[in-house]
Protein backbone atom coordinates (compact mmCIF):
# COMPACT_ATOMS: atom_id res chain seq x y z
CA UNK A 1 22.74 67.88 144.92
CA UNK A 2 20.90 67.58 141.73
CA UNK A 3 19.33 70.20 139.27
CA UNK A 4 17.00 70.57 136.29
CA UNK A 5 16.70 73.11 133.83
CA UNK A 6 13.35 73.97 131.84
CA UNK A 7 13.62 76.98 129.74
CA UNK A 8 14.43 79.73 132.33
CA UNK A 9 12.89 77.70 135.11
CA UNK A 10 15.74 75.94 137.39
CA UNK A 11 14.84 73.38 140.11
CA UNK A 12 17.50 72.45 142.20
CA UNK A 13 17.50 69.97 145.36
CA UNK A 14 20.06 69.57 148.26
CA UNK A 15 20.82 67.76 151.44
CA UNK A 16 23.08 70.01 153.66
CA UNK A 17 24.87 69.08 156.72
CA UNK A 18 25.80 72.29 158.35
CA UNK A 19 29.27 72.29 159.84
CA UNK A 20 29.55 73.15 163.76
CA UNK A 21 30.33 76.85 163.93
CA UNK A 22 29.71 80.05 166.44
CA UNK A 23 29.40 82.44 163.54
CA UNK A 24 26.61 84.71 163.92
CA UNK A 25 26.51 85.97 160.19
CA UNK A 26 23.31 85.27 158.26
CA UNK A 27 22.93 81.87 156.59
CA UNK A 28 23.47 82.29 152.83
CA UNK A 29 23.23 79.09 150.62
CA UNK A 30 25.54 79.10 147.63
CA UNK A 31 26.17 76.99 144.89
CA UNK A 32 22.92 77.00 143.00
CA UNK A 33 23.57 75.79 139.52
CA UNK A 34 22.77 78.69 137.50
CA UNK A 35 22.37 82.57 138.28
CA UNK A 36 19.16 83.90 139.07
CA UNK A 37 17.30 86.44 137.16
CA UNK A 38 17.81 90.17 138.46
CA UNK A 39 14.20 91.11 137.98
CA UNK A 40 13.60 91.61 141.61
CA UNK A 41 15.16 91.16 145.17
CA UNK A 42 13.91 87.61 145.10
CA UNK A 43 14.06 85.48 141.87
CA UNK A 44 12.55 82.22 143.55
CA UNK A 45 12.13 80.38 146.84
CA UNK A 46 12.94 77.21 148.34
CA UNK A 47 10.83 74.48 150.09
CA UNK A 48 12.24 73.09 153.13
CA UNK A 49 11.66 69.51 153.36
CA UNK A 50 13.16 68.84 156.53
CA UNK A 51 15.30 70.66 158.85
CA UNK A 52 16.44 69.60 162.37
CA UNK A 53 16.67 73.51 163.36
CA UNK A 54 12.91 74.01 163.82
CA UNK A 55 13.18 78.15 163.29
CA UNK A 56 14.20 77.69 159.75
CA UNK A 57 10.88 78.00 157.76
CA UNK A 58 11.56 79.89 154.32
CA UNK A 59 14.41 80.26 151.84
CA UNK A 60 14.53 82.86 148.99
CA UNK A 61 16.83 82.72 146.11
CA UNK A 62 18.48 86.32 145.98
CA UNK A 63 18.12 87.99 142.42
CA UNK A 64 21.02 88.25 140.19
CA UNK A 65 23.26 85.56 142.37
CA UNK A 66 23.51 81.79 142.68
CA UNK A 67 22.76 82.05 146.52
CA UNK A 68 19.60 81.84 148.72
CA UNK A 69 18.82 83.37 152.24
CA UNK A 70 17.23 81.06 155.05
CA UNK A 71 14.81 82.76 157.01
CA UNK A 72 12.27 82.23 160.03
CA UNK A 73 8.48 82.28 159.50
CA UNK A 74 8.55 85.88 160.34
CA UNK A 75 11.08 86.61 157.65
CA UNK A 76 14.05 87.17 159.75
CA UNK A 77 17.26 85.55 158.82
CA UNK A 78 18.53 82.68 160.36
CA UNK A 79 22.26 82.95 161.81
CA UNK A 80 24.84 80.32 160.96
CA UNK A 81 25.14 79.54 164.96
CA UNK A 82 21.61 78.41 165.00
CA UNK A 83 22.14 75.87 162.12
CA UNK A 84 25.41 74.62 163.72
CA UNK A 85 25.63 70.88 163.15
CA UNK A 86 22.15 70.60 161.66
CA UNK A 87 20.65 68.75 158.48
CA UNK A 88 18.85 70.56 155.82
CA UNK A 89 16.96 68.88 152.94
CA UNK A 90 15.81 71.86 150.40
CA UNK A 91 14.42 72.23 146.94
CA UNK A 92 14.55 75.45 145.22
CA UNK A 93 12.66 76.64 142.27
CA UNK A 94 13.89 80.03 140.45
CA UNK A 95 14.02 82.06 137.44
CA UNK A 96 17.51 81.86 135.57
CA UNK A 97 19.09 84.75 134.05
CA UNK A 98 18.93 84.84 130.19
């Protein structure tokens, strides 16, 4: 995991190897390096470089948190069980809280 900070704009990159799970809760990716701004529900986005789970298409940084939500191309949250054992390469760009 790596991150860069320029003013209030944060870029973070990560490789995530998802554990084997049967959990049906929605995927939330935590541990972003800085708390995001709270001016909207989504403070930024993630770009998926590679994901072995083909339904994962988008990621959104949740406002006022250091977490992101992973969704399908239709905007439907991805469940943990769908990511079980998968690998994800992702980069985030978002606004940090002041």
